[in-house]
């Protein structure tokens, strides 16, 4: 809250009152700082996962080709889409309700528990076959 006890009109003020002498940063510098902060945060997150063995999760990705140009001689120009999206959730074994599990909405979801963790995997591409699911469960069981 601001309060005035005295008010004068038409007073000459020194130009120096309107000069900023504090720190400055260009837009490019500010963007570079934000980018560096983001990269540090992402590195911290990758390190956390790596320390627990949670990198390289063996989930399938089915490449899809989008044909842009082709010729009768067999020449093609195509892009390859490897997009697959999955969500991995884990928590220590618990009898309580798992609120976060209710937020996973994928066409293919798998929920199980091992000796230490409850797991939920949701994937958008296609259902996992028995071998893929076994491989995934075995991989995750060895994480810390």
N, C-alpha and C. Protein backbone atom coordinates (compact mmCIF):
# COMPACT_ATOMS: atom_id res chain seq x y z
N UNK A 1 0.84 -1.16 0.00
CA UNK A 1 0.00 0.00 0.00
C UNK A 1 0.90 1.24 0.00
N UNK A 2 0.53 2.24 -0.78
CA UNK A 2 1.29 3.49 -0.84
C UNK A 2 0.44 4.60 -0.21
N UNK A 3 1.14 5.52 0.44
CA UNK A 3 0.45 6.62 1.09
C UNK A 3 1.25 7.89 0.89
N UNK A 4 0.58 8.98 0.59
CA UNK A 4 1.24 10.28 0.43
C UNK A 4 0.85 11.18 1.59
N UNK A 5 1.84 11.92 2.06
CA UNK A 5 1.52 12.88 3.11
C UNK A 5 1.60 14.31 2.58
N UNK A 6 2.24 14.43 1.39
CA UNK A 6 2.39 15.76 0.81
C UNK A 6 2.38 15.59 -0.71
N UNK A 7 1.72 16.50 -1.42
CA UNK A 7 1.63 16.41 -2.86
C UNK A 7 1.84 17.80 -3.46
N UNK A 8 2.79 17.88 -4.41
CA UNK A 8 3.06 19.15 -5.08
C UNK A 8 2.92 18.96 -6.57
N UNK A 9 2.39 19.98 -7.23
CA UNK A 9 2.20 19.97 -8.67
C UNK A 9 3.24 20.87 -9.32
N UNK A 10 3.64 20.54 -10.57
CA UNK A 10 4.59 21.32 -11.36
C UNK A 10 5.94 21.49 -10.66
N UNK A 11 6.45 20.41 -10.12
CA UNK A 11 7.76 20.43 -9.47
C UNK A 11 8.78 19.92 -10.48
N UNK A 12 9.92 20.59 -10.59
CA UNK A 12 11.01 20.12 -11.45
C UNK A 12 11.72 18.97 -10.77
N UNK A 13 11.82 17.85 -11.50
CA UNK A 13 12.52 16.67 -10.97
C UNK A 13 13.77 16.43 -11.79
N UNK A 14 14.80 16.00 -11.13
CA UNK A 14 16.08 15.74 -11.80
C UNK A 14 15.92 14.55 -12.75
N UNK A 15 16.53 14.65 -13.94
CA UNK A 15 16.49 13.56 -14.93
C UNK A 15 17.07 12.26 -14.35
N UNK A 16 18.00 12.38 -13.42
CA UNK A 16 18.65 11.19 -12.85
C UNK A 16 17.65 10.30 -12.10
N UNK A 17 16.50 10.85 -11.70
CA UNK A 17 15.48 10.04 -11.05
C UNK A 17 14.87 9.01 -11.99
N UNK A 18 15.02 9.25 -13.30
CA UNK A 18 14.38 8.40 -14.29
C UNK A 18 15.38 7.55 -15.06
N UNK A 19 16.54 7.32 -14.51
CA UNK A 19 17.58 6.52 -15.15
C UNK A 19 17.73 5.23 -14.36
N UNK A 20 17.66 4.12 -15.05
CA UNK A 20 17.83 2.81 -14.41
C UNK A 20 19.31 2.47 -14.37
N UNK A 21 19.83 2.26 -13.18
CA UNK A 21 21.24 1.90 -13.00
C UNK A 21 21.40 0.45 -12.56
N UNK A 22 20.30 -0.27 -12.53
CA UNK A 22 20.35 -1.67 -12.09
C UNK A 22 20.75 -2.61 -13.21
N UNK A 23 20.68 -3.90 -12.94
CA UNK A 23 21.09 -4.89 -13.93
C UNK A 23 20.12 -4.91 -15.13
N UNK A 24 20.65 -5.22 -16.28
CA UNK A 24 19.83 -5.33 -17.49
C UNK A 24 20.16 -6.64 -18.19
N UNK A 25 19.24 -7.08 -19.00
CA UNK A 25 19.43 -8.30 -19.76
C UNK A 25 18.62 -8.18 -21.05
N UNK A 26 19.25 -8.51 -22.16
CA UNK A 26 18.53 -8.48 -23.43
C UNK A 26 17.57 -9.67 -23.48
N UNK A 27 16.65 -9.62 -24.41
CA UNK A 27 15.70 -10.72 -24.59
C UNK A 27 16.45 -12.01 -24.94
N UNK A 28 17.48 -11.90 -25.81
CA UNK A 28 18.27 -13.08 -26.17
C UNK A 28 18.98 -13.66 -24.96
N UNK A 29 19.51 -12.80 -24.10
CA UNK A 29 20.18 -13.28 -22.88
C UNK A 29 19.18 -13.95 -21.94
N UNK A 30 18.01 -13.35 -21.80
CA UNK A 30 16.97 -13.93 -20.94
C UNK A 30 16.54 -15.29 -21.48
N UNK A 31 16.36 -15.39 -22.80
CA UNK A 31 15.98 -16.66 -23.41
C UNK A 31 17.08 -17.70 -23.23
N UNK A 32 18.33 -17.29 -23.37
CA UNK A 32 19.46 -18.20 -23.19
C UNK A 32 19.50 -18.70 -21.74
N UNK A 33 19.24 -17.83 -20.79
CA UNK A 33 19.22 -18.23 -19.38
C UNK A 33 18.10 -19.23 -19.11
N UNK A 34 16.91 -18.96 -19.66
CA UNK A 34 15.79 -19.89 -19.48
C UNK A 34 16.10 -21.24 -20.10
N UNK A 35 16.71 -21.22 -21.29
CA UNK A 35 17.08 -22.46 -21.97
C UNK A 35 18.11 -23.23 -21.14
N UNK A 36 19.11 -22.54 -20.61
CA UNK A 36 20.14 -23.19 -19.79
C UNK A 36 19.51 -23.78 -18.52
N UNK A 37 18.59 -23.05 -17.89
CA UNK A 37 17.89 -23.57 -16.71
C UNK A 37 17.11 -24.84 -17.05
N UNK A 38 16.43 -24.80 -18.20
CA UNK A 38 15.65 -25.96 -18.64
C UNK A 38 16.57 -27.16 -18.89
N UNK A 39 17.69 -26.93 -19.56
CA UNK A 39 18.63 -28.01 -19.84
C UNK A 39 19.20 -28.60 -18.56
N UNK A 40 19.51 -27.77 -17.57
CA UNK A 40 19.99 -28.26 -16.27
C UNK A 40 18.92 -29.12 -15.59
N UNK A 41 17.68 -28.65 -15.64
CA UNK A 41 16.58 -29.40 -15.05
C UNK A 41 16.41 -30.74 -15.74
N UNK A 42 16.45 -30.76 -17.08
CA UNK A 42 16.31 -32.02 -17.82
C UNK A 42 17.47 -32.97 -17.52
N UNK A 43 18.68 -32.44 -17.39
CA UNK A 43 19.84 -33.28 -17.06
C UNK A 43 19.67 -33.89 -15.67
N UNK A 44 19.17 -33.11 -14.72
CA UNK A 44 18.91 -33.62 -13.37
C UNK A 44 17.90 -34.77 -13.42
N UNK A 45 16.86 -34.59 -14.22
CA UNK A 45 15.83 -35.63 -14.34
C UNK A 45 16.38 -36.88 -15.01
N UNK A 46 17.18 -36.72 -16.07
CA UNK A 46 17.79 -37.87 -16.74
C UNK A 46 18.73 -38.61 -15.79
N UNK A 47 19.52 -37.85 -15.02
CA UNK A 47 20.43 -38.47 -14.05
C UNK A 47 19.66 -39.26 -13.00
N UNK A 48 18.56 -38.70 -12.50
CA UNK A 48 17.76 -39.38 -11.50
C UNK A 48 17.28 -40.72 -12.04
N UNK A 49 16.78 -40.72 -13.27
CA UNK A 49 16.31 -41.97 -13.90
C UNK A 49 17.47 -42.94 -14.09
N UNK A 50 18.59 -42.44 -14.58
CA UNK A 50 19.74 -43.31 -14.85
C UNK A 50 20.26 -43.95 -13.57
N UNK A 51 20.30 -43.20 -12.47
CA UNK A 51 20.76 -43.74 -11.19
C UNK A 51 19.89 -44.89 -10.70
N UNK A 52 18.66 -44.95 -11.16
CA UNK A 52 17.73 -45.99 -10.74
C UNK A 52 17.54 -47.06 -11.82
N UNK A 53 18.31 -46.97 -12.90
CA UNK A 53 18.21 -47.96 -13.96
C UNK A 53 16.97 -47.82 -14.82
N UNK A 54 16.39 -46.63 -14.83
CA UNK A 54 15.15 -46.42 -15.58
C UNK A 54 15.39 -45.70 -16.90
N UNK A 55 16.34 -46.17 -17.66
CA UNK A 55 16.56 -45.62 -19.00
C UNK A 55 16.50 -46.78 -19.99
N UNK A 56 16.13 -46.51 -21.18
CA UNK A 56 16.08 -47.56 -22.20
C UNK A 56 14.98 -48.57 -21.96
N UNK A 57 13.84 -48.15 -21.47
CA UNK A 57 12.73 -49.07 -21.21
C UNK A 57 12.33 -49.74 -22.52
N UNK A 58 12.27 -51.06 -22.55
CA UNK A 58 12.01 -51.79 -23.80
C UNK A 58 10.53 -51.78 -24.21
N UNK A 59 10.09 -50.65 -24.72
CA UNK A 59 8.73 -50.55 -25.26
C UNK A 59 8.80 -50.55 -26.78
N UNK A 60 7.84 -51.17 -27.43
CA UNK A 60 7.88 -51.23 -28.89
C UNK A 60 7.56 -49.89 -29.54
N UNK A 61 8.20 -49.63 -30.64
CA UNK A 61 7.88 -48.48 -31.49
C UNK A 61 7.75 -49.02 -32.90
N UNK A 62 6.60 -48.86 -33.48
CA UNK A 62 6.36 -49.36 -34.82
C UNK A 62 6.50 -48.21 -35.80
N UNK A 63 7.55 -48.24 -36.63
CA UNK A 63 7.73 -47.14 -37.59
C UNK A 63 6.58 -47.11 -38.59
N UNK A 64 6.14 -45.90 -38.90
CA UNK A 64 5.13 -45.72 -39.93
C UNK A 64 5.72 -44.81 -41.00
N UNK A 65 5.64 -45.25 -42.24
CA UNK A 65 6.15 -44.46 -43.36
C UNK A 65 5.04 -43.59 -43.93
N UNK A 66 5.38 -42.34 -44.19
CA UNK A 66 4.47 -41.43 -44.87
C UNK A 66 5.12 -41.14 -46.22
N UNK A 67 4.53 -41.69 -47.26
CA UNK A 67 5.09 -41.55 -48.60
C UNK A 67 4.75 -40.17 -49.16
N UNK A 68 5.79 -39.41 -49.53
CA UNK A 68 5.60 -38.07 -50.09
C UNK A 68 5.71 -38.09 -51.61
N UNK A 69 6.74 -38.76 -52.11
CA UNK A 69 6.95 -38.84 -53.57
C UNK A 69 7.44 -40.23 -53.90
N UNK A 70 7.11 -40.69 -55.10
CA UNK A 70 7.58 -41.99 -55.56
C UNK A 70 7.66 -42.00 -57.07
N UNK A 71 8.37 -42.99 -57.57
CA UNK A 71 8.55 -43.12 -59.01
C UNK A 71 8.41 -44.59 -59.37
N UNK A 72 8.06 -44.85 -60.63
CA UNK A 72 7.89 -46.23 -61.09
C UNK A 72 9.17 -47.05 -60.99
N UNK A 73 10.33 -46.39 -60.94
CA UNK A 73 11.59 -47.13 -60.84
C UNK A 73 11.87 -47.56 -59.39
N UNK A 74 10.97 -47.23 -58.45
CA UNK A 74 11.14 -47.62 -57.05
C UNK A 74 11.67 -46.52 -56.16
N UNK A 75 12.01 -45.38 -56.75
CA UNK A 75 12.50 -44.26 -55.94
C UNK A 75 11.38 -43.75 -55.04
N UNK A 76 11.75 -43.39 -53.80
CA UNK A 76 10.76 -42.83 -52.88
C UNK A 76 11.36 -41.68 -52.09
N UNK A 77 10.48 -40.85 -51.60
CA UNK A 77 10.80 -39.85 -50.60
C UNK A 77 9.70 -40.01 -49.55
N UNK A 78 10.10 -40.46 -48.35
CA UNK A 78 9.13 -40.74 -47.30
C UNK A 78 9.68 -40.28 -45.96
N UNK A 79 8.79 -39.93 -45.08
CA UNK A 79 9.22 -39.63 -43.71
C UNK A 79 8.85 -40.83 -42.84
N UNK A 80 9.62 -41.02 -41.78
CA UNK A 80 9.40 -42.13 -40.87
C UNK A 80 8.91 -41.55 -39.54
N UNK A 81 7.76 -41.99 -39.12
CA UNK A 81 7.21 -41.55 -37.85
C UNK A 81 7.40 -42.67 -36.84
N UNK A 82 8.20 -42.40 -35.81
CA UNK A 82 8.43 -43.37 -34.74
C UNK A 82 7.65 -43.00 -33.48
N UNK A 83 6.67 -42.13 -33.65
CA UNK A 83 6.01 -41.63 -32.46
C UNK A 83 5.22 -42.73 -31.77
N UNK A 84 5.53 -42.86 -30.54
CA UNK A 84 4.81 -43.75 -29.65
C UNK A 84 4.84 -43.03 -28.32
N UNK A 85 3.77 -43.02 -27.65
CA UNK A 85 3.75 -42.35 -26.36
C UNK A 85 3.30 -43.35 -25.31
N UNK A 86 4.01 -43.32 -24.21
CA UNK A 86 3.67 -44.21 -23.09
C UNK A 86 3.86 -43.45 -21.79
N UNK A 87 3.20 -43.93 -20.77
CA UNK A 87 3.34 -43.39 -19.43
C UNK A 87 3.74 -44.52 -18.51
N UNK A 88 4.73 -44.24 -17.66
CA UNK A 88 5.18 -45.22 -16.67
C UNK A 88 4.95 -44.62 -15.29
N UNK A 89 4.24 -45.33 -14.46
CA UNK A 89 4.04 -44.92 -13.07
C UNK A 89 4.51 -46.04 -12.17
N UNK A 90 5.11 -45.68 -11.05
CA UNK A 90 5.41 -46.67 -10.02
C UNK A 90 5.29 -46.00 -8.66
N UNK A 91 4.99 -46.82 -7.68
CA UNK A 91 4.97 -46.36 -6.30
C UNK A 91 5.27 -47.57 -5.43
N UNK A 92 5.72 -47.32 -4.19
CA UNK A 92 5.93 -48.45 -3.28
C UNK A 92 4.61 -49.20 -3.09
N UNK A 93 4.70 -50.48 -2.85
CA UNK A 93 3.52 -51.31 -2.61
C UNK A 93 2.65 -50.64 -1.54
N UNK A 94 1.35 -50.58 -1.81
CA UNK A 94 0.43 -49.90 -0.89
C UNK A 94 -0.95 -50.51 -1.01
N UNK A 95 -1.68 -50.48 0.10
CA UNK A 95 -3.09 -50.90 0.08
C UNK A 95 -4.00 -49.73 -0.26
N UNK A 96 -3.45 -48.52 -0.23
CA UNK A 96 -4.25 -47.32 -0.48
C UNK A 96 -4.59 -47.14 -1.95
N UNK A 97 -5.58 -46.30 -2.18
CA UNK A 97 -5.98 -45.99 -3.56
C UNK A 97 -4.85 -45.22 -4.25
N UNK A 98 -4.66 -45.50 -5.51
CA UNK A 98 -3.58 -44.88 -6.29
C UNK A 98 -4.21 -43.84 -7.20
N UNK A 99 -4.30 -42.61 -6.73
CA UNK A 99 -4.96 -41.55 -7.49
C UNK A 99 -4.31 -41.32 -8.85
N UNK A 100 -2.98 -41.33 -8.90
CA UNK A 100 -2.28 -41.07 -10.16
C UNK A 100 -2.64 -42.10 -11.23
N UNK A 101 -2.89 -43.34 -10.82
CA UNK A 101 -3.24 -44.39 -11.80
C UNK A 101 -4.56 -44.07 -12.50
N UNK A 102 -5.44 -43.36 -11.81
CA UNK A 102 -6.73 -43.00 -12.41
C UNK A 102 -6.58 -41.97 -13.53
N UNK A 103 -5.43 -41.29 -13.58
CA UNK A 103 -5.24 -40.25 -14.60
C UNK A 103 -4.67 -40.80 -15.90
N UNK A 104 -4.23 -42.06 -15.91
CA UNK A 104 -3.63 -42.65 -17.12
C UNK A 104 -4.75 -43.13 -18.03
N UNK A 105 -4.78 -42.56 -19.22
CA UNK A 105 -5.86 -42.88 -20.16
C UNK A 105 -5.26 -43.22 -21.52
N UNK A 106 -4.85 -44.45 -21.67
CA UNK A 106 -4.28 -44.94 -22.92
C UNK A 106 -5.10 -46.13 -23.39
N UNK A 107 -5.08 -46.40 -24.68
CA UNK A 107 -5.86 -47.55 -25.15
C UNK A 107 -5.35 -48.89 -24.62
N UNK A 108 -4.08 -48.94 -24.21
CA UNK A 108 -3.49 -50.19 -23.71
C UNK A 108 -2.79 -49.90 -22.39
N UNK A 109 -3.30 -50.46 -21.30
CA UNK A 109 -2.71 -50.23 -19.98
C UNK A 109 -2.43 -51.56 -19.31
N UNK A 110 -1.36 -51.57 -18.53
CA UNK A 110 -0.93 -52.78 -17.83
C UNK A 110 -0.56 -52.37 -16.41
N UNK A 111 -1.11 -53.10 -15.44
CA UNK A 111 -0.85 -52.78 -14.04
C UNK A 111 -0.46 -54.07 -13.33
N UNK A 112 0.61 -54.00 -12.54
CA UNK A 112 1.09 -55.16 -11.80
C UNK A 112 1.95 -54.68 -10.64
N UNK A 113 2.34 -55.63 -9.80
CA UNK A 113 3.22 -55.33 -8.68
C UNK A 113 4.34 -56.36 -8.68
N UNK A 114 5.53 -55.92 -8.26
CA UNK A 114 6.63 -56.85 -8.04
C UNK A 114 6.92 -56.83 -6.53
N UNK A 115 8.09 -57.23 -6.13
CA UNK A 115 8.40 -57.32 -4.70
C UNK A 115 8.42 -55.96 -4.00
N UNK A 116 8.73 -54.88 -4.73
CA UNK A 116 8.87 -53.56 -4.11
C UNK A 116 7.87 -52.53 -4.60
N UNK A 117 7.46 -52.62 -5.85
CA UNK A 117 6.73 -51.53 -6.49
C UNK A 117 5.40 -52.00 -7.08
N UNK A 118 4.48 -51.06 -7.15
CA UNK A 118 3.30 -51.20 -8.01
C UNK A 118 3.62 -50.43 -9.28
N UNK A 119 3.25 -51.00 -10.40
CA UNK A 119 3.57 -50.41 -11.71
C UNK A 119 2.30 -50.20 -12.52
N UNK A 120 2.35 -49.19 -13.38
CA UNK A 120 1.32 -49.01 -14.40
C UNK A 120 2.01 -48.46 -15.64
N UNK A 121 1.77 -49.12 -16.75
CA UNK A 121 2.26 -48.67 -18.05
C UNK A 121 1.05 -48.45 -18.94
N UNK A 122 0.96 -47.30 -19.55
CA UNK A 122 -0.05 -47.02 -20.56
C UNK A 122 0.66 -46.71 -21.86
N UNK A 123 0.20 -47.29 -22.96
CA UNK A 123 0.86 -47.09 -24.25
C UNK A 123 -0.20 -46.83 -25.32
N UNK A 124 0.15 -45.97 -26.27
CA UNK A 124 -0.85 -45.58 -27.26
C UNK A 124 -0.80 -46.39 -28.55
N UNK A 125 0.30 -47.07 -28.85
CA UNK A 125 0.45 -47.66 -30.18
C UNK A 125 -0.35 -48.93 -30.40
N UNK A 126 -0.04 -49.93 -29.65
CA UNK A 126 -0.69 -51.23 -29.84
C UNK A 126 -0.52 -52.02 -28.56
N UNK A 127 -1.30 -53.07 -28.39
CA UNK A 127 -1.11 -53.89 -27.19
C UNK A 127 0.26 -54.56 -27.19
N UNK A 128 0.80 -54.77 -26.01
CA UNK A 128 2.05 -55.51 -25.88
C UNK A 128 1.73 -57.00 -25.95
N UNK A 129 2.57 -57.75 -26.63
CA UNK A 129 2.36 -59.20 -26.61
C UNK A 129 2.97 -59.76 -25.32
N UNK A 130 2.77 -61.05 -25.07
CA UNK A 130 3.21 -61.65 -23.80
C UNK A 130 4.72 -61.53 -23.61
N UNK A 131 5.49 -61.71 -24.67
CA UNK A 131 6.95 -61.63 -24.57
C UNK A 131 7.38 -60.21 -24.26
N UNK A 132 6.80 -59.21 -24.94
CA UNK A 132 7.13 -57.81 -24.68
C UNK A 132 6.79 -57.43 -23.24
N UNK A 133 5.62 -57.86 -22.76
CA UNK A 133 5.22 -57.52 -21.40
C UNK A 133 6.14 -58.20 -20.39
N UNK A 134 6.50 -59.45 -20.62
CA UNK A 134 7.43 -60.16 -19.73
C UNK A 134 8.79 -59.45 -19.72
N UNK A 135 9.30 -59.07 -20.90
CA UNK A 135 10.58 -58.37 -20.99
C UNK A 135 10.52 -57.05 -20.23
N UNK A 136 9.43 -56.32 -20.40
CA UNK A 136 9.26 -55.04 -19.72
C UNK A 136 9.22 -55.22 -18.20
N UNK A 137 8.44 -56.18 -17.73
CA UNK A 137 8.34 -56.43 -16.29
C UNK A 137 9.68 -56.85 -15.72
N UNK A 138 10.40 -57.70 -16.43
CA UNK A 138 11.73 -58.15 -15.97
C UNK A 138 12.69 -56.97 -15.90
N UNK A 139 12.69 -56.14 -16.92
CA UNK A 139 13.56 -54.95 -16.94
C UNK A 139 13.26 -54.06 -15.74
N UNK A 140 11.99 -53.73 -15.53
CA UNK A 140 11.61 -52.81 -14.47
C UNK A 140 11.84 -53.41 -13.08
N UNK A 141 11.75 -54.71 -12.94
CA UNK A 141 11.98 -55.36 -11.65
C UNK A 141 13.41 -55.17 -11.17
N UNK A 142 14.33 -54.89 -12.08
CA UNK A 142 15.74 -54.72 -11.71
C UNK A 142 16.13 -53.26 -11.49
N UNK A 143 15.15 -52.37 -11.49
CA UNK A 143 15.45 -50.96 -11.24
C UNK A 143 15.42 -50.70 -9.75
N UNK A 144 16.00 -49.58 -9.34
CA UNK A 144 16.04 -49.29 -7.90
C UNK A 144 15.14 -48.14 -7.53
